[in-house]
Amino acid sequence: MRVPFGDHLDAMAPHSVSRSTLRSPASILTVLVLALAGCTGGEVSEPTASMPVATRAELLDPADFAAAIADPARVTINVHTPDEGQLPGTDSSLPFDQIRQQAATLPPDRTTPLAIYCRTGTMSATAAKELASLGYTDVVELQGGMLAWRNTGRTIGE
């Protein structure tokens, strides 16, 4: 069976590969599958039992974050250090760089919905990664932090 573009493959093929090998449908399919697999960067699309479900918090704009923290089941944590105020409804403060050391102060149920924020979003991004490494699966993060919150006309308490 002759593949219409087989001659072009012959021109690009290493000398150790025979013309008949390059023209076989199975070889072409194998090359295409390997090429497409290389495009994915080796990422796994489906979580496995050995992988945490979340690897990063879901970034929410101030309006969506306000709606998320209005849910009484969601624990809201200020991870900014030093203290520069807090959003209304904040349940606790936990420095972003002390998440693992103070894990005992976090909800023991790793499926508890959490909301985290800091002043600009940098510290909360670090905290989100740490929470994911601890197994927390439902974490939302305020995109742009308290500065973005304030820029939308919302208040920050002391």
N, C-alpha and C. Protein backbone atom coordinates (compact mmCIF):
# COMPACT_ATOMS: atom_id res chain seq x y z
N MET A 1 0.84 -1.17 0.00
CA MET A 1 0.00 0.00 0.00
C MET A 1 0.89 1.23 0.00
N ARG A 2 0.63 2.16 -0.84
CA ARG A 2 1.45 3.37 -0.95
C ARG A 2 0.72 4.53 -0.29
N VAL A 3 1.46 5.23 0.58
CA VAL A 3 0.94 6.41 1.25
C VAL A 3 1.29 7.60 0.38
N PRO A 4 0.33 8.47 0.04
CA PRO A 4 0.58 9.57 -0.89
C PRO A 4 1.77 10.45 -0.51
N PHE A 5 2.02 10.65 0.76
CA PHE A 5 3.11 11.52 1.15
C PHE A 5 4.35 10.72 1.55
N GLY A 6 4.40 9.44 1.21
CA GLY A 6 5.51 8.57 1.57
C GLY A 6 6.84 9.04 1.04
N ASP A 7 6.88 9.61 -0.16
CA ASP A 7 8.14 10.06 -0.72
C ASP A 7 8.72 11.20 0.11
N HIS A 8 7.87 12.04 0.67
CA HIS A 8 8.36 13.12 1.50
C HIS A 8 8.95 12.58 2.79
N LEU A 9 8.36 11.55 3.33
CA LEU A 9 8.89 10.92 4.53
C LEU A 9 10.25 10.32 4.26
N ASP A 10 10.39 9.70 3.06
CA ASP A 10 11.68 9.10 2.71
C ASP A 10 12.78 10.14 2.72
N ALA A 11 12.49 11.33 2.29
CA ALA A 11 13.51 12.36 2.21
C ALA A 11 13.94 12.82 3.61
N MET A 12 13.04 12.75 4.59
CA MET A 12 13.36 13.20 5.93
C MET A 12 13.84 12.07 6.83
N ALA A 13 13.71 10.84 6.40
CA ALA A 13 13.98 9.69 7.25
C ALA A 13 15.46 9.47 7.46
N PRO A 14 15.84 8.98 8.64
CA PRO A 14 17.24 8.60 8.84
C PRO A 14 17.57 7.43 7.92
N HIS A 15 18.82 7.30 7.58
CA HIS A 15 19.22 6.25 6.64
C HIS A 15 19.02 4.85 7.18
N SER A 16 18.88 4.70 8.49
CA SER A 16 18.73 3.37 9.05
C SER A 16 17.29 2.85 8.95
N VAL A 17 16.35 3.69 8.53
CA VAL A 17 14.96 3.27 8.43
C VAL A 17 14.67 2.96 6.96
N SER A 18 14.09 1.81 6.73
CA SER A 18 13.81 1.43 5.35
C SER A 18 12.58 2.13 4.82
N ARG A 19 12.51 2.24 3.49
CA ARG A 19 11.37 2.89 2.84
C ARG A 19 10.07 2.14 3.15
N SER A 20 10.13 0.82 3.21
CA SER A 20 8.91 0.07 3.46
C SER A 20 8.40 0.29 4.90
N THR A 21 9.31 0.51 5.84
CA THR A 21 8.90 0.76 7.22
C THR A 21 8.14 2.07 7.32
N LEU A 22 8.64 3.10 6.66
CA LEU A 22 8.00 4.41 6.71
C LEU A 22 6.65 4.43 6.01
N ARG A 23 6.44 3.54 5.10
CA ARG A 23 5.19 3.55 4.34
C ARG A 23 4.11 2.69 4.99
N SER A 24 4.43 1.95 6.02
CA SER A 24 3.41 1.11 6.62
C SER A 24 2.44 1.98 7.42
N PRO A 25 1.16 1.72 7.32
CA PRO A 25 0.17 2.51 8.08
C PRO A 25 0.43 2.48 9.58
N ALA A 26 0.88 1.35 10.10
CA ALA A 26 1.15 1.26 11.53
C ALA A 26 2.29 2.19 11.93
N SER A 27 3.32 2.29 11.09
CA SER A 27 4.44 3.18 11.39
C SER A 27 4.01 4.62 11.39
N ILE A 28 3.21 4.98 10.41
CA ILE A 28 2.74 6.36 10.34
C ILE A 28 1.86 6.69 11.54
N LEU A 29 1.00 5.76 11.89
CA LEU A 29 0.14 5.97 13.05
C LEU A 29 0.98 6.11 14.32
N THR A 30 2.01 5.28 14.46
CA THR A 30 2.89 5.37 15.63
C THR A 30 3.58 6.72 15.69
N VAL A 31 4.09 7.19 14.57
CA VAL A 31 4.75 8.49 14.53
C VAL A 31 3.77 9.59 14.92
N LEU A 32 2.54 9.54 14.40
CA LEU A 32 1.55 10.56 14.74
C LEU A 32 1.19 10.54 16.22
N VAL A 33 1.00 9.34 16.76
CA VAL A 33 0.66 9.22 18.17
C VAL A 33 1.79 9.77 19.03
N LEU A 34 3.03 9.43 18.71
CA LEU A 34 4.16 9.94 19.48
C LEU A 34 4.29 11.45 19.35
N ALA A 35 4.04 11.97 18.18
CA ALA A 35 4.12 13.42 17.98
C ALA A 35 3.04 14.12 18.79
N LEU A 36 1.84 13.59 18.77
CA LEU A 36 0.76 14.20 19.54
C LEU A 36 1.00 14.07 21.03
N ALA A 37 1.55 12.96 21.46
CA ALA A 37 1.86 12.78 22.89
C ALA A 37 2.89 13.80 23.33
N GLY A 38 3.82 14.11 22.46
CA GLY A 38 4.82 15.11 22.77
C GLY A 38 4.24 16.50 22.92
N CYS A 39 3.12 16.77 22.30
CA CYS A 39 2.48 18.08 22.38
C CYS A 39 1.83 18.32 23.73
N THR A 40 1.54 17.28 24.47
CA THR A 40 0.85 17.46 25.74
C THR A 40 1.80 17.82 26.85
N GLY A 41 3.10 17.74 26.63
CA GLY A 41 4.04 18.06 27.68
C GLY A 41 4.07 17.02 28.79
N GLY A 42 3.53 15.85 28.52
CA GLY A 42 3.55 14.78 29.50
C GLY A 42 2.54 14.96 30.63
N GLU A 43 1.61 15.88 30.47
CA GLU A 43 0.63 16.12 31.51
C GLU A 43 -0.40 15.01 31.53
N VAL A 44 -0.88 14.73 32.73
CA VAL A 44 -1.93 13.74 32.90
C VAL A 44 -3.24 14.48 32.97
N SER A 45 -4.19 14.12 32.12
CA SER A 45 -5.44 14.86 32.09
C SER A 45 -6.43 14.39 33.15
N GLU A 46 -6.34 13.16 33.55
CA GLU A 46 -7.25 12.62 34.56
C GLU A 46 -6.50 12.45 35.87
N PRO A 47 -7.04 12.92 37.00
CA PRO A 47 -6.35 12.69 38.26
C PRO A 47 -6.32 11.21 38.61
N THR A 48 -5.26 10.81 39.26
CA THR A 48 -5.16 9.42 39.72
C THR A 48 -5.25 9.41 41.23
N ALA A 49 -5.35 8.23 41.80
CA ALA A 49 -5.49 8.12 43.25
C ALA A 49 -4.27 8.67 43.98
N SER A 50 -3.11 8.65 43.35
CA SER A 50 -1.90 9.13 44.01
C SER A 50 -1.70 10.63 43.85
N MET A 51 -2.54 11.30 43.07
CA MET A 51 -2.40 12.73 42.85
C MET A 51 -3.47 13.49 43.63
N PRO A 52 -3.10 14.66 44.20
CA PRO A 52 -4.15 15.47 44.82
C PRO A 52 -5.10 15.98 43.76
N VAL A 53 -6.36 16.16 44.12
CA VAL A 53 -7.36 16.61 43.17
C VAL A 53 -7.07 18.05 42.74
N ALA A 54 -6.69 18.90 43.68
CA ALA A 54 -6.40 20.29 43.37
C ALA A 54 -4.91 20.54 43.50
N THR A 55 -4.35 21.29 42.59
CA THR A 55 -2.95 21.66 42.69
C THR A 55 -2.81 23.16 42.84
N ARG A 56 -3.88 23.86 42.75
CA ARG A 56 -3.86 25.32 42.87
C ARG A 56 -5.28 25.77 43.19
N ALA A 57 -5.35 26.88 43.88
CA ALA A 57 -6.66 27.43 44.21
C ALA A 57 -7.30 28.01 42.96
N GLU A 58 -8.61 28.07 42.98
CA GLU A 58 -9.34 28.73 41.90
C GLU A 58 -9.30 30.23 42.16
N LEU A 59 -8.79 30.98 41.20
CA LEU A 59 -8.72 32.43 41.34
C LEU A 59 -10.09 33.04 41.07
N LEU A 60 -10.55 33.87 42.00
CA LEU A 60 -11.84 34.52 41.85
C LEU A 60 -11.66 36.03 41.91
N ASP A 61 -12.39 36.75 41.06
CA ASP A 61 -12.37 38.20 41.13
C ASP A 61 -13.11 38.62 42.41
N PRO A 62 -12.99 39.88 42.82
CA PRO A 62 -13.60 40.29 44.10
C PRO A 62 -15.10 39.98 44.22
N ALA A 63 -15.86 40.17 43.16
CA ALA A 63 -17.30 39.89 43.24
C ALA A 63 -17.56 38.41 43.50
N ASP A 64 -16.88 37.54 42.77
CA ASP A 64 -17.08 36.10 42.96
C ASP A 64 -16.52 35.64 44.31
N PHE A 65 -15.42 36.26 44.75
CA PHE A 65 -14.85 35.92 46.05
C PHE A 65 -15.82 36.32 47.16
N ALA A 66 -16.44 37.49 47.02
CA ALA A 66 -17.43 37.94 48.02
C ALA A 66 -18.58 36.93 48.12
N ALA A 67 -19.02 36.44 46.99
CA ALA A 67 -20.09 35.44 46.99
C ALA A 67 -19.61 34.13 47.64
N ALA A 68 -18.37 33.76 47.36
CA ALA A 68 -17.84 32.51 47.93
C ALA A 68 -17.72 32.59 49.44
N ILE A 69 -17.23 33.72 49.96
CA ILE A 69 -17.05 33.81 51.41
C ILE A 69 -18.36 34.05 52.15
N ALA A 70 -19.41 34.36 51.41
CA ALA A 70 -20.74 34.48 52.03
C ALA A 70 -21.30 33.12 52.43
N ASP A 71 -20.75 32.05 51.85
CA ASP A 71 -21.17 30.69 52.19
C ASP A 71 -20.65 30.35 53.60
N PRO A 72 -21.54 30.10 54.55
CA PRO A 72 -21.08 29.84 55.93
C PRO A 72 -20.23 28.58 56.07
N ALA A 73 -20.29 27.68 55.11
CA ALA A 73 -19.48 26.47 55.19
C ALA A 73 -18.02 26.73 54.80
N ARG A 74 -17.76 27.85 54.11
CA ARG A 74 -16.40 28.16 53.64
C ARG A 74 -15.63 28.89 54.74
N VAL A 75 -14.43 28.40 55.05
CA VAL A 75 -13.56 29.01 56.05
C VAL A 75 -12.67 30.02 55.32
N THR A 76 -12.74 31.28 55.77
CA THR A 76 -11.98 32.36 55.13
C THR A 76 -10.75 32.68 55.96
N ILE A 77 -9.58 32.65 55.28
CA ILE A 77 -8.30 32.81 55.98
C ILE A 77 -7.48 33.93 55.32
N ASN A 78 -7.05 34.87 56.15
CA ASN A 78 -6.14 35.93 55.72
C ASN A 78 -4.73 35.37 55.87
N VAL A 79 -3.99 35.25 54.78
CA VAL A 79 -2.65 34.67 54.84
C VAL A 79 -1.56 35.74 54.72
N HIS A 80 -1.97 37.02 54.73
CA HIS A 80 -0.98 38.09 54.58
C HIS A 80 -0.21 38.32 55.87
N THR A 81 1.05 38.64 55.71
CA THR A 81 1.89 39.02 56.84
C THR A 81 2.80 40.16 56.40
N PRO A 82 2.93 41.20 57.18
CA PRO A 82 2.31 41.46 58.47
C PRO A 82 0.85 41.87 58.30
N ASP A 83 0.15 41.97 59.41
CA ASP A 83 -1.27 42.29 59.39
C ASP A 83 -1.48 43.67 58.75
N GLU A 84 -2.32 43.71 57.73
CA GLU A 84 -2.68 44.97 57.07
C GLU A 84 -4.20 45.07 56.93
N GLY A 85 -4.91 44.50 57.89
CA GLY A 85 -6.36 44.52 57.85
C GLY A 85 -6.89 43.19 57.37
N GLN A 86 -8.23 43.11 57.36
CA GLN A 86 -8.85 41.87 56.90
C GLN A 86 -10.21 42.16 56.29
N LEU A 87 -10.64 41.21 55.48
CA LEU A 87 -11.95 41.32 54.84
C LEU A 87 -13.04 40.99 55.86
N PRO A 88 -14.21 41.60 55.70
CA PRO A 88 -15.33 41.23 56.57
C PRO A 88 -15.63 39.73 56.43
N GLY A 89 -15.88 39.08 57.55
CA GLY A 89 -16.21 37.66 57.53
C GLY A 89 -15.01 36.74 57.59
N THR A 90 -13.81 37.29 57.79
CA THR A 90 -12.62 36.45 57.90
C THR A 90 -12.70 35.62 59.17
N ASP A 91 -12.43 34.32 59.04
CA ASP A 91 -12.49 33.41 60.18
C ASP A 91 -11.19 33.35 60.96
N SER A 92 -10.05 33.46 60.25
CA SER A 92 -8.77 33.38 60.94
C SER A 92 -7.66 34.00 60.09
N SER A 93 -6.53 34.21 60.74
CA SER A 93 -5.32 34.67 60.06
C SER A 93 -4.25 33.62 60.26
N LEU A 94 -3.56 33.31 59.20
CA LEU A 94 -2.50 32.32 59.23
C LEU A 94 -1.44 32.75 58.23
N PRO A 95 -0.25 33.14 58.68
CA PRO A 95 0.77 33.61 57.74
C PRO A 95 1.04 32.59 56.63
N PHE A 96 1.15 33.10 55.41
CA PHE A 96 1.35 32.24 54.24
C PHE A 96 2.54 31.31 54.38
N ASP A 97 3.58 31.74 55.10
CA ASP A 97 4.79 30.93 55.23
C ASP A 97 4.77 30.03 56.47
N GLN A 98 3.60 29.94 57.12
CA GLN A 98 3.46 29.09 58.29
C GLN A 98 2.35 28.05 58.14
N ILE A 99 1.86 27.87 56.90
CA ILE A 99 0.74 26.95 56.66
C ILE A 99 1.07 25.54 57.16
N ARG A 100 2.19 25.00 56.74
CA ARG A 100 2.53 23.62 57.12
C ARG A 100 2.80 23.52 58.63
N GLN A 101 3.52 24.48 59.18
CA GLN A 101 3.87 24.43 60.60
C GLN A 101 2.62 24.57 61.48
N GLN A 102 1.61 25.28 61.01
CA GLN A 102 0.40 25.50 61.80
C GLN A 102 -0.80 24.76 61.22
N ALA A 103 -0.53 23.66 60.54
CA ALA A 103 -1.60 22.88 59.90
C ALA A 103 -2.65 22.42 60.91
N ALA A 104 -2.27 22.26 62.15
CA ALA A 104 -3.23 21.82 63.18
C ALA A 104 -4.34 22.84 63.41
N THR A 105 -4.11 24.09 63.01
CA THR A 105 -5.14 25.12 63.17
C THR A 105 -6.12 25.13 62.00
N LEU A 106 -5.82 24.37 60.97
CA LEU A 106 -6.69 24.28 59.80
C LEU A 106 -7.76 23.21 60.02
N PRO A 107 -8.87 23.27 59.28
CA PRO A 107 -9.89 22.22 59.41
C PRO A 107 -9.28 20.84 59.11
N PRO A 108 -9.57 19.85 59.96
CA PRO A 108 -9.02 18.51 59.73
C PRO A 108 -9.60 17.83 58.48
N ASP A 109 -10.81 18.18 58.11
CA ASP A 109 -11.43 17.61 56.91
C ASP A 109 -10.89 18.34 55.70
N ARG A 110 -10.10 17.64 54.88
CA ARG A 110 -9.43 18.26 53.73
C ARG A 110 -10.39 18.67 52.61
N THR A 111 -11.67 18.31 52.74
CA THR A 111 -12.65 18.74 51.74
C THR A 111 -13.39 20.00 52.18
N THR A 112 -13.05 20.51 53.36
CA THR A 112 -13.67 21.76 53.84
C THR A 112 -13.36 22.87 52.85
N PRO A 113 -14.38 23.61 52.41
CA PRO A 113 -14.12 24.71 51.49
C PRO A 113 -13.35 25.83 52.19
N LEU A 114 -12.26 26.27 51.56
CA LEU A 114 -11.43 27.34 52.11
C LEU A 114 -11.41 28.51 51.13
N ALA A 115 -11.27 29.72 51.68
CA ALA A 115 -11.06 30.93 50.89
C ALA A 115 -9.84 31.62 51.48
N ILE A 116 -8.86 31.95 50.64
CA ILE A 116 -7.66 32.59 51.15
C ILE A 116 -7.41 33.89 50.40
N TYR A 117 -6.75 34.81 51.10
CA TYR A 117 -6.41 36.08 50.46
C TYR A 117 -5.22 36.70 51.19
N CYS A 118 -4.58 37.65 50.52
CA CYS A 118 -3.52 38.45 51.10
C CYS A 118 -3.67 39.87 50.55
N ARG A 119 -2.63 40.67 50.58
CA ARG A 119 -2.75 42.05 50.12
C ARG A 119 -2.78 42.16 48.60
N THR A 120 -1.91 41.40 47.90
CA THR A 120 -1.82 41.53 46.45
C THR A 120 -2.10 40.25 45.68
N GLY A 121 -2.06 39.11 46.33
CA GLY A 121 -2.25 37.82 45.66
C GLY A 121 -0.99 36.98 45.63
N THR A 122 0.16 37.57 45.91
CA THR A 122 1.42 36.82 45.87
C THR A 122 1.52 35.81 47.01
N MET A 123 1.25 36.26 48.22
CA MET A 123 1.34 35.36 49.38
C MET A 123 0.25 34.29 49.34
N SER A 124 -0.93 34.67 48.87
CA SER A 124 -2.00 33.67 48.80
C SER A 124 -1.70 32.60 47.75
N ALA A 125 -0.97 32.96 46.70
CA ALA A 125 -0.57 31.96 45.70
C ALA A 125 0.35 30.92 46.33
N THR A 126 1.27 31.37 47.16
CA THR A 126 2.17 30.45 47.87
C THR A 126 1.37 29.59 48.84
N ALA A 127 0.45 30.22 49.56
CA ALA A 127 -0.39 29.48 50.52
C ALA A 127 -1.25 28.44 49.81
N ALA A 128 -1.76 28.79 48.63
CA ALA A 128 -2.60 27.85 47.88
C ALA A 128 -1.84 26.58 47.52
N LYS A 129 -0.61 26.74 47.10
CA LYS A 129 0.22 25.57 46.76
C LYS A 129 0.45 24.70 48.00
N GLU A 130 0.70 25.35 49.12
CA GLU A 130 0.94 24.60 50.35
C GLU A 130 -0.32 23.87 50.80
N LEU A 131 -1.47 24.54 50.70
CA LEU A 131 -2.73 23.89 51.06
C LEU A 131 -3.00 22.68 50.16
N ALA A 132 -2.71 22.82 48.88
CA ALA A 132 -2.89 21.69 47.95
C ALA A 132 -1.96 20.55 48.34
N SER A 133 -0.73 20.88 48.71
CA SER A 133 0.21 19.81 49.10
C SER A 133 -0.23 19.11 50.38
N LEU A 134 -1.01 19.81 51.20
CA LEU A 134 -1.55 19.20 52.42
C LEU A 134 -2.83 18.39 52.14
N GLY A 135 -3.34 18.49 50.91
CA GLY A 135 -4.51 17.69 50.53
C GLY A 135 -5.83 18.43 50.49
N TYR A 136 -5.83 19.74 50.70
CA TYR A 136 -7.09 20.50 50.62
C TYR A 136 -7.53 20.57 49.16
N THR A 137 -8.79 20.26 48.94
CA THR A 137 -9.28 20.09 47.58
C THR A 137 -10.20 21.19 47.09
N ASP A 138 -10.67 22.05 47.98
CA ASP A 138 -11.61 23.11 47.59
C ASP A 138 -11.11 24.44 48.15
N VAL A 139 -10.23 25.08 47.40
CA VAL A 139 -9.63 26.34 47.84
C VAL A 139 -9.87 27.39 46.77
N VAL A 140 -10.41 28.54 47.20
CA VAL A 140 -10.54 29.68 46.29
C VAL A 140 -9.64 30.79 46.82
N GLU A 141 -9.14 31.59 45.88
CA GLU A 141 -8.18 32.63 46.20
C GLU A 141 -8.64 33.94 45.57
N LEU A 142 -8.51 35.02 46.32
CA LEU A 142 -8.89 36.35 45.84
C LEU A 142 -7.84 36.86 44.88
N GLN A 143 -8.21 36.94 43.62
CA GLN A 143 -7.28 37.43 42.59
C GLN A 143 -7.01 38.92 42.81
N GLY A 144 -5.74 39.26 42.96
CA GLY A 144 -5.37 40.65 43.18
C GLY A 144 -5.41 41.07 44.64
N GLY A 145 -5.84 40.18 45.52
CA GLY A 145 -5.82 40.42 46.95
C GLY A 145 -6.70 41.56 47.43
N MET A 146 -6.35 42.05 48.64
CA MET A 146 -7.13 43.12 49.26
C MET A 146 -7.08 44.41 48.43
N LEU A 147 -6.02 44.61 47.67
CA LEU A 147 -5.96 45.81 46.82
C LEU A 147 -7.06 45.77 45.77
N ALA A 148 -7.24 44.61 45.14
CA ALA A 148 -8.31 44.47 44.14
C ALA A 148 -9.67 44.59 44.80
N TRP A 149 -9.80 44.03 45.99
CA TRP A 149 -11.05 44.11 46.76
C TRP A 149 -11.41 45.57 46.98
N ARG A 150 -10.44 46.35 47.46
CA ARG A 150 -10.67 47.76 47.75
C ARG A 150 -10.95 48.56 46.48
N ASN A 151 -10.28 48.20 45.39
CA ASN A 151 -10.48 48.91 44.11
C ASN A 151 -11.88 48.74 43.55
N THR A 152 -12.62 47.77 44.04
CA THR A 152 -14.01 47.60 43.59
C THR A 152 -15.00 48.24 44.55
N GLY A 153 -14.48 49.07 45.49
CA GLY A 153 -15.33 49.80 46.41
C GLY A 153 -15.70 49.04 47.66
N ARG A 154 -15.13 47.87 47.86
CA ARG A 154 -15.42 47.09 49.06
C ARG A 154 -14.52 47.55 50.22
N THR A 155 -14.95 47.30 51.44
CA THR A 155 -14.20 47.77 52.60
C THR A 155 -13.30 46.68 53.17
N ILE A 156 -12.28 47.15 53.86
CA ILE A 156 -11.35 46.27 54.58
C ILE A 156 -11.36 46.72 56.02
N GLY A 157 -11.56 45.76 56.92
CA GLY A 157 -11.56 46.06 58.36
C GLY A 157 -10.17 46.00 58.93
N GLU A 158 -10.08 46.36 60.19
CA GLU A 158 -8.78 46.33 60.87
C GLU A 158 -8.64 45.14 61.75
